[in-house]
Amino acid sequence: MLGRFVTRLRAVQTRGLRLGELGQSTAEYALVILGAVAIATLLITWATGSHAISKLFDSVISKVLPG
């Protein structure tokens, strides 16, 4: 078991990756997702506070259904 670990560790190091960088892309993806969630939360908060969603819905319905 230890032999396979050492062999795999050497293979990772020969590909140019250092052990400290193995989870780097996962951490970057997590930060991007957190940023997107923060922006979406701000947008939803603004839209519900200004009644923009209901105005948009009313506008679409009034154009679809002749009144």
PDB file of N, CA and C in Angstrom:
ATOM      1  N   MET A   1       0.831  -1.191   0.000  1.00  0.00           N
ATOM      2  CA  MET A   1       0.000   0.000   0.000  1.00  0.00           C
ATOM      3  C   MET A   1       0.869   1.245   0.000  1.00  0.00           C
ATOM      4  N   LEU A   2       1.887   1.254   0.835  1.00  0.00           N
ATOM      5  CA  LEU A   2       2.785   2.398   0.897  1.00  0.00           C
ATOM      6  C   LEU A   2       3.550   2.552  -0.411  1.00  0.00           C
ATOM      7  N   GLY A   3       3.880   1.445  -1.029  1.00  0.00           N
ATOM      8  CA  GLY A   3       4.594   1.477  -2.308  1.00  0.00           C
ATOM      9  C   GLY A   3       3.770   2.146  -3.401  1.00  0.00           C
ATOM     10  N   ARG A   4       2.467   1.828  -3.444  1.00  0.00           N
ATOM     11  CA  ARG A   4       1.601   2.465  -4.445  1.00  0.00           C
ATOM     12  C   ARG A   4       1.468   3.953  -4.181  1.00  0.00           C
ATOM     13  N   PHE A   5       1.407   4.348  -2.920  1.00  0.00           N
ATOM     14  CA  PHE A   5       1.310   5.763  -2.575  1.00  0.00           C
ATOM     15  C   PHE A   5       2.555   6.523  -3.019  1.00  0.00           C
ATOM     16  N   VAL A   6       3.719   5.941  -2.751  1.00  0.00           N
ATOM     17  CA  VAL A   6       4.978   6.591  -3.142  1.00  0.00           C
ATOM     18  C   VAL A   6       5.073   6.675  -4.660  1.00  0.00           C
ATOM     19  N   THR A   7       4.680   5.637  -5.353  1.00  0.00           N
ATOM     20  CA  THR A   7       4.708   5.647  -6.808  1.00  0.00           C
ATOM     21  C   THR A   7       3.769   6.718  -7.362  1.00  0.00           C
ATOM     22  N   ARG A   8       2.598   6.809  -6.799  1.00  0.00           N
ATOM     23  CA  ARG A   8       1.637   7.816  -7.255  1.00  0.00           C
ATOM     24  C   ARG A   8       2.128   9.229  -6.928  1.00  0.00           C
ATOM     25  N   LEU A   9       2.733   9.399  -5.778  1.00  0.00           N
ATOM     26  CA  LEU A   9       3.280  10.687  -5.387  1.00  0.00           C
ATOM     27  C   LEU A   9       4.375  11.130  -6.350  1.00  0.00           C
ATOM     28  N   ARG A  10       5.230  10.214  -6.734  1.00  0.00           N
ATOM     29  CA  ARG A  10       6.286  10.543  -7.706  1.00  0.00           C
ATOM     30  C   ARG A  10       5.686  10.892  -9.061  1.00  0.00           C
ATOM     31  N   ALA A  11       4.637  10.197  -9.475  1.00  0.00           N
ATOM     32  CA  ALA A  11       3.996  10.480 -10.756  1.00  0.00           C
ATOM     33  C   ALA A  11       3.384  11.874 -10.750  1.00  0.00           C
ATOM     34  N   VAL A  12       2.775  12.242  -9.645  1.00  0.00           N
ATOM     35  CA  VAL A  12       2.187  13.581  -9.529  1.00  0.00           C
ATOM     36  C   VAL A  12       3.279  14.632  -9.588  1.00  0.00           C
ATOM     37  N   GLN A  13       4.384  14.408  -8.922  1.00  0.00           N
ATOM     38  CA  GLN A  13       5.465  15.383  -8.899  1.00  0.00           C
ATOM     39  C   GLN A  13       6.152  15.495 -10.254  1.00  0.00           C
ATOM     40  N   THR A  14       6.213  14.412 -11.022  1.00  0.00           N
ATOM     41  CA  THR A  14       6.849  14.491 -12.331  1.00  0.00           C
ATOM     42  C   THR A  14       5.963  15.210 -13.342  1.00  0.00           C
ATOM     43  N   ARG A  15       4.673  15.284 -13.093  1.00  0.00           N
ATOM     44  CA  ARG A  15       3.773  16.025 -13.982  1.00  0.00           C
ATOM     45  C   ARG A  15       3.821  17.517 -13.702  1.00  0.00           C
ATOM     46  N   GLY A  16       4.618  17.948 -12.780  1.00  0.00           N
ATOM     47  CA  GLY A  16       4.776  19.371 -12.509  1.00  0.00           C
ATOM     48  C   GLY A  16       3.849  19.905 -11.432  1.00  0.00           C
ATOM     49  N   LEU A  17       3.091  19.062 -10.806  1.00  0.00           N
ATOM     50  CA  LEU A  17       2.196  19.502  -9.741  1.00  0.00           C
ATOM     51  C   LEU A  17       2.877  19.310  -8.398  1.00  0.00           C
ATOM     52  N   ARG A  18       2.794  20.309  -7.586  1.00  0.00           N
ATOM     53  CA  ARG A  18       3.300  20.177  -6.221  1.00  0.00           C
ATOM     54  C   ARG A  18       2.137  19.792  -5.321  1.00  0.00           C
ATOM     55  N   LEU A  19       2.453  19.193  -4.200  1.00  0.00           N
ATOM     56  CA  LEU A  19       1.398  18.710  -3.316  1.00  0.00           C
ATOM     57  C   LEU A  19       0.497  19.833  -2.829  1.00  0.00           C
ATOM     58  N   GLY A  20       1.000  21.043  -2.643  1.00  0.00           N
ATOM     59  CA  GLY A  20       0.193  22.147  -2.166  1.00  0.00           C
ATOM     60  C   GLY A  20      -0.789  22.676  -3.185  1.00  0.00           C
ATOM     61  N   GLU A  21      -0.638  22.281  -4.451  1.00  0.00           N
ATOM     62  CA  GLU A  21      -1.493  22.791  -5.515  1.00  0.00           C
ATOM     63  C   GLU A  21      -2.564  21.794  -5.958  1.00  0.00           C
ATOM     64  N   LEU A  22      -2.656  20.647  -5.330  1.00  0.00           N
ATOM     65  CA  LEU A  22      -3.581  19.618  -5.794  1.00  0.00           C
ATOM     66  C   LEU A  22      -5.039  20.054  -5.707  1.00  0.00           C
ATOM     67  N   GLY A  23      -5.433  20.794  -4.689  1.00  0.00           N
ATOM     68  CA  GLY A  23      -6.825  21.211  -4.550  1.00  0.00           C
ATOM     69  C   GLY A  23      -7.069  22.637  -5.002  1.00  0.00           C
ATOM     70  N   GLN A  24      -6.109  23.229  -5.685  1.00  0.00           N
ATOM     71  CA  GLN A  24      -6.215  24.641  -6.048  1.00  0.00           C
ATOM     72  C   GLN A  24      -7.396  24.921  -6.960  1.00  0.00           C
ATOM     73  N   SER A  25      -7.607  24.108  -7.996  1.00  0.00           N
ATOM     74  CA  SER A  25      -8.714  24.379  -8.924  1.00  0.00           C
ATOM     75  C   SER A  25     -10.061  24.219  -8.220  1.00  0.00           C
ATOM     76  N   THR A  26     -10.158  23.271  -7.312  1.00  0.00           N
ATOM     77  CA  THR A  26     -11.404  23.096  -6.563  1.00  0.00           C
ATOM     78  C   THR A  26     -11.690  24.323  -5.711  1.00  0.00           C
ATOM     79  N   ALA A  27     -10.672  24.879  -5.093  1.00  0.00           N
ATOM     80  CA  ALA A  27     -10.849  26.079  -4.281  1.00  0.00           C
ATOM     81  C   ALA A  27     -11.241  27.270  -5.153  1.00  0.00           C
ATOM     82  N   GLU A  28     -10.670  27.364  -6.337  1.00  0.00           N
ATOM     83  CA  GLU A  28     -11.025  28.462  -7.247  1.00  0.00           C
ATOM     84  C   GLU A  28     -12.481  28.336  -7.693  1.00  0.00           C
ATOM     85  N   TYR A  29     -12.907  27.140  -8.032  1.00  0.00           N
ATOM     86  CA  TYR A  29     -14.305  26.931  -8.420  1.00  0.00           C
ATOM     87  C   TYR A  29     -15.241  27.301  -7.274  1.00  0.00           C
ATOM     88  N   ALA A  30     -14.873  26.937  -6.068  1.00  0.00           N
ATOM     89  CA  ALA A  30     -15.712  27.250  -4.909  1.00  0.00           C
ATOM     90  C   ALA A  30     -15.834  28.756  -4.721  1.00  0.00           C
ATOM     91  N   LEU A  31     -14.745  29.496  -4.908  1.00  0.00           N
ATOM     92  CA  LEU A  31     -14.808  30.956  -4.775  1.00  0.00           C
ATOM     93  C   LEU A  31     -15.666  31.590  -5.865  1.00  0.00           C
ATOM     94  N   VAL A  32     -15.581  31.073  -7.083  1.00  0.00           N
ATOM     95  CA  VAL A  32     -16.413  31.594  -8.169  1.00  0.00           C
ATOM     96  C   VAL A  32     -17.886  31.338  -7.881  1.00  0.00           C
ATOM     97  N   ILE A  33     -18.197  30.153  -7.389  1.00  0.00           N
ATOM     98  CA  ILE A  33     -19.593  29.827  -7.062  1.00  0.00           C
ATOM     99  C   ILE A  33     -20.093  30.723  -5.933  1.00  0.00           C
ATOM    100  N   LEU A  34     -19.278  30.957  -4.914  1.00  0.00           N
ATOM    101  CA  LEU A  34     -19.687  31.844  -3.820  1.00  0.00           C
ATOM    102  C   LEU A  34     -19.932  33.268  -4.325  1.00  0.00           C
ATOM    103  N   GLY A  35     -19.093  33.737  -5.238  1.00  0.00           N
ATOM    104  CA  GLY A  35     -19.298  35.061  -5.823  1.00  0.00           C
ATOM    105  C   GLY A  35     -20.590  35.129  -6.609  1.00  0.00           C
ATOM    106  N   ALA A  36     -20.887  34.096  -7.391  1.00  0.00           N
ATOM    107  CA  ALA A  36     -22.127  34.059  -8.171  1.00  0.00           C
ATOM    108  C   ALA A  36     -23.343  34.030  -7.251  1.00  0.00           C
ATOM    109  N   VAL A  37     -23.261  33.296  -6.171  1.00  0.00           N
ATOM    110  CA  VAL A  37     -24.369  33.239  -5.210  1.00  0.00           C
ATOM    111  C   VAL A  37     -24.578  34.601  -4.554  1.00  0.00           C
ATOM    112  N   ALA A  38     -23.499  35.288  -4.234  1.00  0.00           N
ATOM    113  CA  ALA A  38     -23.618  36.619  -3.625  1.00  0.00           C
ATOM    114  C   ALA A  38     -24.279  37.597  -4.575  1.00  0.00           C
ATOM    115  N   ILE A  39     -23.886  37.578  -5.841  1.00  0.00           N
ATOM    116  CA  ILE A  39     -24.493  38.470  -6.831  1.00  0.00           C
ATOM    117  C   ILE A  39     -25.959  38.120  -7.040  1.00  0.00           C
ATOM    118  N   ALA A  40     -26.272  36.837  -7.121  1.00  0.00           N
ATOM    119  CA  ALA A  40     -27.665  36.421  -7.299  1.00  0.00           C
ATOM    120  C   ALA A  40     -28.518  36.833  -6.099  1.00  0.00           C
ATOM    121  N   THR A  41     -27.969  36.724  -4.909  1.00  0.00           N
ATOM    122  CA  THR A  41     -28.702  37.125  -3.707  1.00  0.00           C
ATOM    123  C   THR A  41     -28.995  38.621  -3.721  1.00  0.00           C
ATOM    124  N   LEU A  42     -27.995  39.407  -4.099  1.00  0.00           N
ATOM    125  CA  LEU A  42     -28.218  40.860  -4.195  1.00  0.00           C
ATOM    126  C   LEU A  42     -29.262  41.196  -5.249  1.00  0.00           C
ATOM    127  N   LEU A  43     -29.209  40.529  -6.386  1.00  0.00           N
ATOM    128  CA  LEU A  43     -30.167  40.774  -7.457  1.00  0.00           C
ATOM    129  C   LEU A  43     -31.590  40.403  -7.033  1.00  0.00           C
ATOM    130  N   ILE A  44     -31.735  39.266  -6.391  1.00  0.00           N
ATOM    131  CA  ILE A  44     -33.065  38.831  -5.939  1.00  0.00           C
ATOM    132  C   ILE A  44     -33.594  39.764  -4.861  1.00  0.00           C
ATOM    133  N   THR A  45     -32.724  40.189  -3.955  1.00  0.00           N
ATOM    134  CA  THR A  45     -33.141  41.127  -2.905  1.00  0.00           C
ATOM    135  C   THR A  45     -33.621  42.444  -3.510  1.00  0.00           C
ATOM    136  N   TRP A  46     -32.870  42.966  -4.482  1.00  0.00           N
ATOM    137  CA  TRP A  46     -33.271  44.204  -5.145  1.00  0.00           C
ATOM    138  C   TRP A  46     -34.588  44.026  -5.905  1.00  0.00           C
ATOM    139  N   ALA A  47     -34.712  42.916  -6.635  1.00  0.00           N
ATOM    140  CA  ALA A  47     -35.903  42.702  -7.459  1.00  0.00           C
ATOM    141  C   ALA A  47     -37.160  42.560  -6.610  1.00  0.00           C
ATOM    142  N   THR A  48     -37.072  41.882  -5.493  1.00  0.00           N
ATOM    143  CA  THR A  48     -38.260  41.727  -4.660  1.00  0.00           C
ATOM    144  C   THR A  48     -38.576  43.014  -3.901  1.00  0.00           C
ATOM    145  N   GLY A  49     -37.573  43.792  -3.568  1.00  0.00           N
ATOM    146  CA  GLY A  49     -37.808  45.045  -2.851  1.00  0.00           C
ATOM    147  C   GLY A  49     -38.404  46.124  -3.731  1.00  0.00           C
ATOM    148  N   SER A  50     -38.066  46.106  -5.016  1.00  0.00           N
ATOM    149  CA  SER A  50     -38.574  47.142  -5.914  1.00  0.00           C
ATOM    150  C   SER A  50     -39.797  46.678  -6.702  1.00  0.00           C
ATOM    151  N   HIS A  51     -40.268  45.497  -6.446  1.00  0.00           N
ATOM    152  CA  HIS A  51     -41.425  44.908  -7.131  1.00  0.00           C
ATOM    153  C   HIS A  51     -41.190  44.799  -8.632  1.00  0.00           C
ATOM    154  N   ALA A  52     -39.940  44.678  -9.055  1.00  0.00           N
ATOM    155  CA  ALA A  52     -39.607  44.560 -10.470  1.00  0.00           C
ATOM    156  C   ALA A  52     -40.120  43.256 -11.062  1.00  0.00           C
ATOM    157  N   ILE A  53     -40.109  42.201 -10.283  1.00  0.00           N
ATOM    158  CA  ILE A  53     -40.565  40.900 -10.778  1.00  0.00           C
ATOM    159  C   ILE A  53     -42.058  40.944 -11.075  1.00  0.00           C
ATOM    160  N   SER A  54     -42.834  41.488 -10.157  1.00  0.00           N
ATOM    161  CA  SER A  54     -44.281  41.538 -10.387  1.00  0.00           C
ATOM    162  C   SER A  54     -44.628  42.471 -11.546  1.00  0.00           C
ATOM    163  N   LYS A  55     -43.903  43.580 -11.691  1.00  0.00           N
ATOM    164  CA  LYS A  55     -44.142  44.479 -12.825  1.00  0.00           C
ATOM    165  C   LYS A  55     -43.815  43.790 -14.152  1.00  0.00           C
ATOM    166  N   LEU A  56     -42.705  43.052 -14.167  1.00  0.00           N
ATOM    167  CA  LEU A  56     -42.332  42.320 -15.372  1.00  0.00           C
ATOM    168  C   LEU A  56     -43.370  41.267 -15.699  1.00  0.00           C
ATOM    169  N   PHE A  57     -43.819  40.528 -14.712  1.00  0.00           N
ATOM    170  CA  PHE A  57     -44.837  39.497 -14.926  1.00  0.00           C
ATOM    171  C   PHE A  57     -46.137  40.108 -15.432  1.00  0.00           C
ATOM    172  N   ASP A  58     -46.563  41.200 -14.834  1.00  0.00           N
ATOM    173  CA  ASP A  58     -47.785  41.875 -15.283  1.00  0.00           C
ATOM    174  C   ASP A  58     -47.651  42.369 -16.714  1.00  0.00           C
ATOM    175  N   SER A  59     -46.484  42.887 -17.062  1.00  0.00           N
ATOM    176  CA  SER A  59     -46.250  43.372 -18.421  1.00  0.00           C
ATOM    177  C   SER A  59     -46.318  42.239 -19.441  1.00  0.00           C
ATOM    178  N   VAL A  60     -45.713  41.116 -19.117  1.00  0.00           N
ATOM    179  CA  VAL A  60     -45.732  39.967 -20.034  1.00  0.00           C
ATOM    180  C   VAL A  60     -47.148  39.439 -20.195  1.00  0.00           C
ATOM    181  N   ILE A  61     -47.867  39.310 -19.108  1.00  0.00           N
ATOM    182  CA  ILE A  61     -49.243  38.798 -19.162  1.00  0.00           C
ATOM    183  C   ILE A  61     -50.142  39.735 -19.952  1.00  0.00           C
ATOM    184  N   SER A  62     -49.978  41.038 -19.776  1.00  0.00           N
ATOM    185  CA  SER A  62     -50.834  41.986 -20.492  1.00  0.00           C
ATOM    186  C   SER A  62     -50.567  41.954 -21.995  1.00  0.00           C
ATOM    187  N   LYS A  63     -49.351  41.628 -22.407  1.00  0.00           N
ATOM    188  CA  LYS A  63     -49.047  41.537 -23.836  1.00  0.00           C
ATOM    189  C   LYS A  63     -49.507  40.199 -24.423  1.00  0.00           C
ATOM    190  N   VAL A  64     -49.494  39.156 -23.613  1.00  0.00           N
ATOM    191  CA  VAL A  64     -49.908  37.841 -24.097  1.00  0.00           C
ATOM    192  C   VAL A  64     -51.420  37.745 -24.177  1.00  0.00           C
ATOM    193  N   LEU A  65     -52.088  38.200 -23.143  1.00  0.00           N
ATOM    194  CA  LEU A  65     -53.548  38.135 -23.104  1.00  0.00           C
ATOM    195  C   LEU A  65     -54.131  39.506 -23.466  1.00  0.00           C
ATOM    196  N   PRO A  66     -54.871  39.566 -24.550  1.00  0.00           N
ATOM    197  CA  PRO A  66     -55.452  40.866 -24.891  1.00  0.00           C
ATOM    198  C   PRO A  66     -56.475  41.277 -23.845  1.00  0.00           C
ATOM    199  N   GLY A  67     -56.416  42.507 -23.472  1.00  0.00           N
ATOM    200  CA  GLY A  67     -57.319  42.903 -22.414  1.00  0.00           C
ATOM    201  C   GLY A  67     -57.975  44.139 -22.712  1.00  0.00           C
TER     202      GLY A  67
END
